[in-house]
């Protein structure tokens, strides 16, 4: 299972994604991961390790960059079970990995989720 949020704002508005957001000045990456997940889902998590770093660049019809983000993805665990959509998420839910294909989700997000599941499985044997 993976905790996903439905994006409430562009880019990729209404698509399903991993919770996340901007890192504050002076904030460690671990603290940013924990804060952003809590703000968007209400989950208190432990960030266990880096999964991947992904660039997202979206251009308009003229080729001008509209959005440019560098996404730093961690795999995490929680003992919490109740999700609440917060912050800029319009919805939040637990999704079985087998159901990812049924959702509007960016292919890179799906790839990162599956890689994270593999890393978690290796860590737990």
N, C-alpha and C. Protein backbone atom coordinates (compact mmCIF):
# COMPACT_ATOMS: atom_id res chain seq x y z
N UNK A 1 0.85 -1.18 0.00
CA UNK A 1 0.00 0.00 0.00
C UNK A 1 0.89 1.24 0.00
N UNK A 2 0.40 2.28 -0.65
CA UNK A 2 1.11 3.55 -0.69
C UNK A 2 0.10 4.67 -0.41
N UNK A 3 0.54 5.65 0.35
CA UNK A 3 -0.29 6.82 0.62
C UNK A 3 -0.13 7.80 -0.53
N UNK A 4 -1.23 8.13 -1.20
CA UNK A 4 -1.19 9.07 -2.32
C UNK A 4 -2.13 10.23 -2.05
N UNK A 5 -1.80 11.35 -2.66
CA UNK A 5 -2.68 12.53 -2.60
C UNK A 5 -3.11 12.86 -4.02
N UNK A 6 -4.30 13.42 -4.13
CA UNK A 6 -4.75 13.94 -5.42
C UNK A 6 -4.42 15.42 -5.43
N UNK A 7 -3.65 15.82 -6.42
CA UNK A 7 -3.17 17.20 -6.47
C UNK A 7 -4.33 18.18 -6.66
N UNK A 8 -4.32 19.23 -5.84
CA UNK A 8 -5.36 20.24 -5.92
C UNK A 8 -4.97 21.43 -6.76
N UNK A 9 -3.69 21.51 -7.14
CA UNK A 9 -3.18 22.65 -7.90
C UNK A 9 -2.30 22.19 -9.06
N UNK A 10 -2.12 23.04 -10.08
CA UNK A 10 -1.18 22.72 -11.14
C UNK A 10 0.25 22.72 -10.59
N UNK A 11 1.15 22.05 -11.21
CA UNK A 11 0.95 21.20 -12.39
C UNK A 11 0.34 19.86 -12.00
N UNK A 12 -0.17 19.18 -12.98
CA UNK A 12 -0.77 17.86 -12.79
C UNK A 12 -1.97 17.86 -11.84
N UNK A 13 -2.73 18.96 -11.85
CA UNK A 13 -3.92 19.07 -11.02
C UNK A 13 -4.85 17.88 -11.29
N UNK A 14 -5.40 17.31 -10.23
CA UNK A 14 -6.33 16.17 -10.24
C UNK A 14 -5.63 14.83 -10.42
N UNK A 15 -4.34 14.81 -10.73
CA UNK A 15 -3.62 13.55 -10.81
C UNK A 15 -3.22 13.10 -9.42
N UNK A 16 -2.96 11.82 -9.28
CA UNK A 16 -2.52 11.25 -8.02
C UNK A 16 -1.01 11.31 -7.96
N UNK A 17 -0.51 11.58 -6.76
CA UNK A 17 0.93 11.78 -6.60
C UNK A 17 1.35 11.41 -5.18
N UNK A 18 2.64 11.37 -4.99
CA UNK A 18 3.18 11.22 -3.65
C UNK A 18 3.08 12.57 -2.94
N UNK A 19 2.85 12.56 -1.64
CA UNK A 19 2.83 13.84 -0.92
C UNK A 19 4.21 14.47 -0.94
N UNK A 20 4.24 15.78 -0.98
CA UNK A 20 5.53 16.48 -1.00
C UNK A 20 5.34 17.96 -1.19
N UNK A 21 6.45 18.67 -1.20
CA UNK A 21 6.39 20.11 -1.39
C UNK A 21 7.74 20.74 -1.19
N UNK A 22 7.73 22.03 -0.98
CA UNK A 22 8.97 22.81 -0.91
C UNK A 22 9.67 22.65 0.45
N UNK A 23 10.97 22.62 0.37
CA UNK A 23 11.80 22.59 1.57
C UNK A 23 12.02 24.03 2.03
N UNK A 24 11.89 24.26 3.33
CA UNK A 24 12.10 25.59 3.90
C UNK A 24 13.59 25.85 4.11
N UNK A 25 13.99 27.10 4.03
CA UNK A 25 15.37 27.48 4.28
C UNK A 25 15.75 27.05 5.70
N UNK A 26 16.87 26.36 5.82
CA UNK A 26 17.35 25.91 7.12
C UNK A 26 16.78 24.58 7.57
N UNK A 27 15.86 24.01 6.80
CA UNK A 27 15.22 22.74 7.15
C UNK A 27 15.99 21.58 6.51
N UNK A 28 16.24 20.53 7.28
CA UNK A 28 16.89 19.36 6.70
C UNK A 28 15.91 18.66 5.75
N UNK A 29 16.45 17.87 4.84
CA UNK A 29 15.59 17.15 3.91
C UNK A 29 14.69 16.17 4.66
N UNK A 30 15.22 15.52 5.70
CA UNK A 30 14.41 14.59 6.49
C UNK A 30 13.24 15.31 7.15
N UNK A 31 13.51 16.47 7.72
CA UNK A 31 12.45 17.25 8.37
C UNK A 31 11.43 17.73 7.34
N UNK A 32 11.89 18.11 6.15
CA UNK A 32 10.98 18.56 5.10
C UNK A 32 10.06 17.42 4.65
N UNK A 33 10.62 16.23 4.50
CA UNK A 33 9.82 15.07 4.10
C UNK A 33 8.74 14.81 5.14
N UNK A 34 9.12 14.77 6.40
CA UNK A 34 8.16 14.50 7.47
C UNK A 34 7.09 15.58 7.54
N UNK A 35 7.48 16.85 7.45
CA UNK A 35 6.52 17.95 7.53
C UNK A 35 5.55 17.94 6.36
N UNK A 36 6.07 17.79 5.16
CA UNK A 36 5.21 17.82 3.97
C UNK A 36 4.22 16.65 3.95
N UNK A 37 4.68 15.46 4.32
CA UNK A 37 3.76 14.33 4.36
C UNK A 37 2.67 14.59 5.40
N UNK A 38 3.04 15.11 6.56
CA UNK A 38 2.04 15.41 7.60
C UNK A 38 1.05 16.48 7.12
N UNK A 39 1.55 17.54 6.48
CA UNK A 39 0.67 18.61 6.01
C UNK A 39 -0.33 18.12 4.97
N UNK A 40 0.08 17.19 4.11
CA UNK A 40 -0.79 16.75 3.02
C UNK A 40 -1.63 15.52 3.34
N UNK A 41 -1.26 14.77 4.41
CA UNK A 41 -1.97 13.52 4.70
C UNK A 41 -2.36 13.35 6.17
N UNK A 42 -1.72 14.08 7.08
CA UNK A 42 -1.93 13.87 8.50
C UNK A 42 -1.14 12.70 9.07
N UNK A 43 -0.32 12.06 8.24
CA UNK A 43 0.48 10.91 8.69
C UNK A 43 1.80 11.37 9.30
N UNK A 44 2.17 10.75 10.40
CA UNK A 44 3.50 10.95 10.99
C UNK A 44 4.36 9.80 10.50
N UNK A 45 5.42 10.13 9.78
CA UNK A 45 6.22 9.09 9.12
C UNK A 45 7.68 9.14 9.59
N UNK A 46 8.36 8.05 9.29
CA UNK A 46 9.81 7.98 9.42
C UNK A 46 10.35 7.82 8.02
N UNK A 47 11.16 8.77 7.58
CA UNK A 47 11.77 8.69 6.25
C UNK A 47 13.00 7.79 6.36
N UNK A 48 13.00 6.69 5.61
CA UNK A 48 14.03 5.66 5.78
C UNK A 48 15.18 5.74 4.80
N UNK A 49 14.96 6.26 3.62
CA UNK A 49 16.07 6.31 2.67
C UNK A 49 15.67 6.91 1.34
N UNK A 50 16.66 7.38 0.65
CA UNK A 50 16.48 7.99 -0.67
C UNK A 50 16.09 6.92 -1.69
N UNK A 51 15.07 7.23 -2.49
CA UNK A 51 14.66 6.35 -3.57
C UNK A 51 15.26 6.84 -4.88
N UNK A 52 15.05 8.11 -5.20
CA UNK A 52 15.53 8.65 -6.47
C UNK A 52 15.38 10.17 -6.48
N UNK A 53 16.03 10.79 -7.43
CA UNK A 53 15.89 12.22 -7.69
C UNK A 53 15.39 12.35 -9.12
N UNK A 54 14.28 13.07 -9.29
CA UNK A 54 13.60 13.16 -10.58
C UNK A 54 13.42 14.62 -10.95
N UNK A 55 13.71 14.96 -12.20
CA UNK A 55 13.43 16.30 -12.70
C UNK A 55 12.07 16.30 -13.39
N UNK A 56 11.27 17.30 -13.08
CA UNK A 56 9.99 17.50 -13.75
C UNK A 56 10.05 18.87 -14.42
N UNK A 57 9.97 18.88 -15.74
CA UNK A 57 9.96 20.14 -16.50
C UNK A 57 8.76 20.08 -17.43
N UNK A 58 7.88 21.07 -17.30
CA UNK A 58 6.70 21.15 -18.17
C UNK A 58 6.79 22.42 -18.99
N UNK A 59 6.61 22.26 -20.30
CA UNK A 59 6.69 23.39 -21.23
C UNK A 59 5.33 23.65 -21.86
N UNK A 60 5.11 24.88 -22.29
CA UNK A 60 3.88 25.21 -23.01
C UNK A 60 4.05 24.89 -24.49
N UNK A 61 3.04 25.22 -25.30
CA UNK A 61 3.08 24.92 -26.74
C UNK A 61 4.24 25.60 -27.46
N UNK A 62 4.68 26.75 -26.93
CA UNK A 62 5.79 27.49 -27.55
C UNK A 62 7.15 26.98 -27.07
N UNK A 63 7.14 26.02 -26.16
CA UNK A 63 8.40 25.48 -25.67
C UNK A 63 8.95 26.19 -24.44
N UNK A 64 8.21 27.17 -23.92
CA UNK A 64 8.68 27.90 -22.74
C UNK A 64 8.38 27.09 -21.47
N UNK A 65 9.34 27.08 -20.56
CA UNK A 65 9.19 26.33 -19.33
C UNK A 65 8.12 26.98 -18.46
N UNK A 66 7.12 26.18 -18.07
CA UNK A 66 6.05 26.65 -17.19
C UNK A 66 6.31 26.22 -15.75
N UNK A 67 6.86 25.01 -15.58
CA UNK A 67 7.17 24.46 -14.25
C UNK A 67 8.50 23.72 -14.35
N UNK A 68 9.31 23.85 -13.31
CA UNK A 68 10.55 23.08 -13.22
C UNK A 68 10.78 22.74 -11.75
N UNK A 69 10.69 21.45 -11.44
CA UNK A 69 10.90 20.97 -10.08
C UNK A 69 11.94 19.86 -10.08
N UNK A 70 12.73 19.81 -9.05
CA UNK A 70 13.59 18.66 -8.79
C UNK A 70 12.97 17.95 -7.59
N UNK A 71 12.53 16.72 -7.81
CA UNK A 71 11.83 15.95 -6.79
C UNK A 71 12.80 14.96 -6.15
N UNK A 72 12.89 15.01 -4.84
CA UNK A 72 13.77 14.12 -4.09
C UNK A 72 12.86 13.17 -3.32
N UNK A 73 12.82 11.93 -3.76
CA UNK A 73 11.86 10.96 -3.23
C UNK A 73 12.50 10.02 -2.21
N UNK A 74 11.85 9.90 -1.05
CA UNK A 74 12.27 9.01 0.02
C UNK A 74 11.20 7.94 0.22
N UNK A 75 11.62 6.77 0.69
CA UNK A 75 10.63 5.79 1.12
C UNK A 75 10.49 5.95 2.62
N UNK A 76 9.28 5.74 3.08
CA UNK A 76 8.97 6.01 4.48
C UNK A 76 7.98 4.98 5.00
N UNK A 77 7.86 4.95 6.32
CA UNK A 77 6.90 4.07 6.97
C UNK A 77 6.16 4.84 8.04
N UNK A 78 4.98 4.33 8.36
CA UNK A 78 4.17 4.95 9.40
C UNK A 78 3.38 3.87 10.13
N UNK A 79 3.00 4.18 11.34
CA UNK A 79 2.08 3.31 12.07
C UNK A 79 0.67 3.89 12.01
N UNK A 80 0.53 5.10 11.50
CA UNK A 80 -0.78 5.73 11.34
C UNK A 80 -1.54 5.05 10.21
N UNK A 81 -2.84 5.06 10.30
CA UNK A 81 -3.65 4.48 9.23
C UNK A 81 -4.65 5.47 8.64
N UNK A 82 -5.03 6.48 9.40
CA UNK A 82 -6.03 7.45 8.93
C UNK A 82 -5.37 8.57 8.14
N UNK A 83 -5.83 8.72 6.90
CA UNK A 83 -5.34 9.79 6.03
C UNK A 83 -6.37 10.91 5.98
N UNK A 84 -5.89 12.12 5.93
CA UNK A 84 -6.75 13.29 5.76
C UNK A 84 -6.12 14.20 4.73
N UNK A 85 -6.85 14.51 3.68
CA UNK A 85 -6.32 15.43 2.67
C UNK A 85 -6.19 16.81 3.29
N UNK A 86 -5.02 17.38 3.20
CA UNK A 86 -4.79 18.70 3.76
C UNK A 86 -3.96 19.53 2.81
N UNK A 87 -3.69 20.76 3.23
CA UNK A 87 -2.81 21.65 2.47
C UNK A 87 -3.36 21.81 1.06
N UNK A 88 -2.59 21.45 0.04
CA UNK A 88 -3.05 21.64 -1.34
C UNK A 88 -3.52 20.33 -1.99
N UNK A 89 -3.79 19.31 -1.18
CA UNK A 89 -4.31 18.04 -1.70
C UNK A 89 -5.84 18.09 -1.69
N UNK A 90 -6.46 17.61 -2.77
CA UNK A 90 -7.92 17.57 -2.80
C UNK A 90 -8.46 16.24 -2.26
N UNK A 91 -7.60 15.23 -2.17
CA UNK A 91 -7.99 13.94 -1.62
C UNK A 91 -6.72 13.21 -1.21
N UNK A 92 -6.85 12.24 -0.32
CA UNK A 92 -5.73 11.39 0.10
C UNK A 92 -6.28 10.01 0.38
N UNK A 93 -5.53 8.99 -0.03
CA UNK A 93 -5.99 7.62 0.24
C UNK A 93 -4.83 6.63 0.16
N UNK A 94 -5.06 5.48 0.80
CA UNK A 94 -4.15 4.34 0.68
C UNK A 94 -4.50 3.60 -0.60
N UNK A 95 -3.49 3.31 -1.41
CA UNK A 95 -3.73 2.63 -2.69
C UNK A 95 -2.85 1.38 -2.75
N UNK A 96 -3.47 0.22 -3.01
CA UNK A 96 -2.66 -0.98 -3.22
C UNK A 96 -1.80 -0.81 -4.48
N UNK A 97 -0.59 -1.33 -4.46
CA UNK A 97 0.31 -1.19 -5.61
C UNK A 97 -0.31 -1.75 -6.89
N UNK A 98 -1.08 -2.79 -6.76
CA UNK A 98 -1.71 -3.42 -7.94
C UNK A 98 -2.76 -2.51 -8.60
N UNK A 99 -3.19 -1.45 -7.91
CA UNK A 99 -4.21 -0.57 -8.46
C UNK A 99 -3.66 0.75 -9.02
N UNK A 100 -2.35 0.89 -9.06
CA UNK A 100 -1.75 2.13 -9.55
C UNK A 100 -2.13 2.43 -11.00
N UNK A 101 -2.22 1.38 -11.82
CA UNK A 101 -2.55 1.59 -13.24
C UNK A 101 -3.95 2.14 -13.46
N UNK A 102 -4.82 2.00 -12.47
CA UNK A 102 -6.20 2.47 -12.61
C UNK A 102 -6.34 3.96 -12.30
N UNK A 103 -5.27 4.58 -11.83
CA UNK A 103 -5.32 6.00 -11.44
C UNK A 103 -4.63 6.88 -12.47
N UNK A 104 -5.07 8.14 -12.59
CA UNK A 104 -4.30 9.10 -13.39
C UNK A 104 -3.05 9.47 -12.58
N UNK A 105 -1.91 8.92 -12.98
CA UNK A 105 -0.67 9.10 -12.24
C UNK A 105 0.48 9.20 -13.23
N UNK A 106 1.41 10.10 -12.97
CA UNK A 106 2.58 10.30 -13.83
C UNK A 106 3.42 9.03 -13.82
N UNK A 107 3.92 8.62 -14.97
CA UNK A 107 4.70 7.39 -15.08
C UNK A 107 5.94 7.40 -14.18
N UNK A 108 6.56 8.54 -14.00
CA UNK A 108 7.72 8.63 -13.10
C UNK A 108 7.33 8.42 -11.65
N UNK A 109 6.15 8.89 -11.27
CA UNK A 109 5.67 8.66 -9.90
C UNK A 109 5.46 7.18 -9.67
N UNK A 110 4.84 6.51 -10.63
CA UNK A 110 4.63 5.07 -10.51
C UNK A 110 5.97 4.34 -10.41
N UNK A 111 6.92 4.71 -11.23
CA UNK A 111 8.25 4.07 -11.21
C UNK A 111 8.89 4.23 -9.84
N UNK A 112 8.83 5.44 -9.28
CA UNK A 112 9.43 5.71 -7.97
C UNK A 112 8.72 4.89 -6.88
N UNK A 113 7.40 4.79 -6.94
CA UNK A 113 6.65 4.01 -5.96
C UNK A 113 7.09 2.55 -5.99
N UNK A 114 7.19 1.98 -7.17
CA UNK A 114 7.59 0.57 -7.28
C UNK A 114 9.03 0.36 -6.83
N UNK A 115 9.89 1.32 -7.12
CA UNK A 115 11.27 1.23 -6.64
C UNK A 115 11.32 1.32 -5.12
N UNK A 116 10.51 2.20 -4.54
CA UNK A 116 10.46 2.33 -3.08
C UNK A 116 9.96 1.04 -2.44
N UNK A 117 8.97 0.41 -3.03
CA UNK A 117 8.45 -0.85 -2.51
C UNK A 117 9.53 -1.93 -2.53
N UNK A 118 10.32 -1.94 -3.57
CA UNK A 118 11.43 -2.88 -3.69
C UNK A 118 12.48 -2.62 -2.60
N UNK A 119 12.82 -1.35 -2.38
CA UNK A 119 13.79 -1.00 -1.34
C UNK A 119 13.27 -1.38 0.05
N UNK A 120 11.99 -1.15 0.29
CA UNK A 120 11.40 -1.51 1.57
C UNK A 120 11.45 -3.01 1.78
N UNK A 121 11.12 -3.76 0.74
CA UNK A 121 11.14 -5.22 0.85
C UNK A 121 12.55 -5.73 1.15
N UNK A 122 13.55 -5.17 0.48
CA UNK A 122 14.94 -5.54 0.76
C UNK A 122 15.34 -5.23 2.19
N UNK A 123 14.89 -4.09 2.70
CA UNK A 123 15.25 -3.67 4.05
C UNK A 123 14.63 -4.57 5.11
N UNK A 124 13.45 -5.11 4.82
CA UNK A 124 12.75 -5.94 5.79
C UNK A 124 12.92 -7.43 5.54
N UNK A 125 13.62 -7.77 4.46
CA UNK A 125 13.87 -9.18 4.16
C UNK A 125 12.74 -9.86 3.62
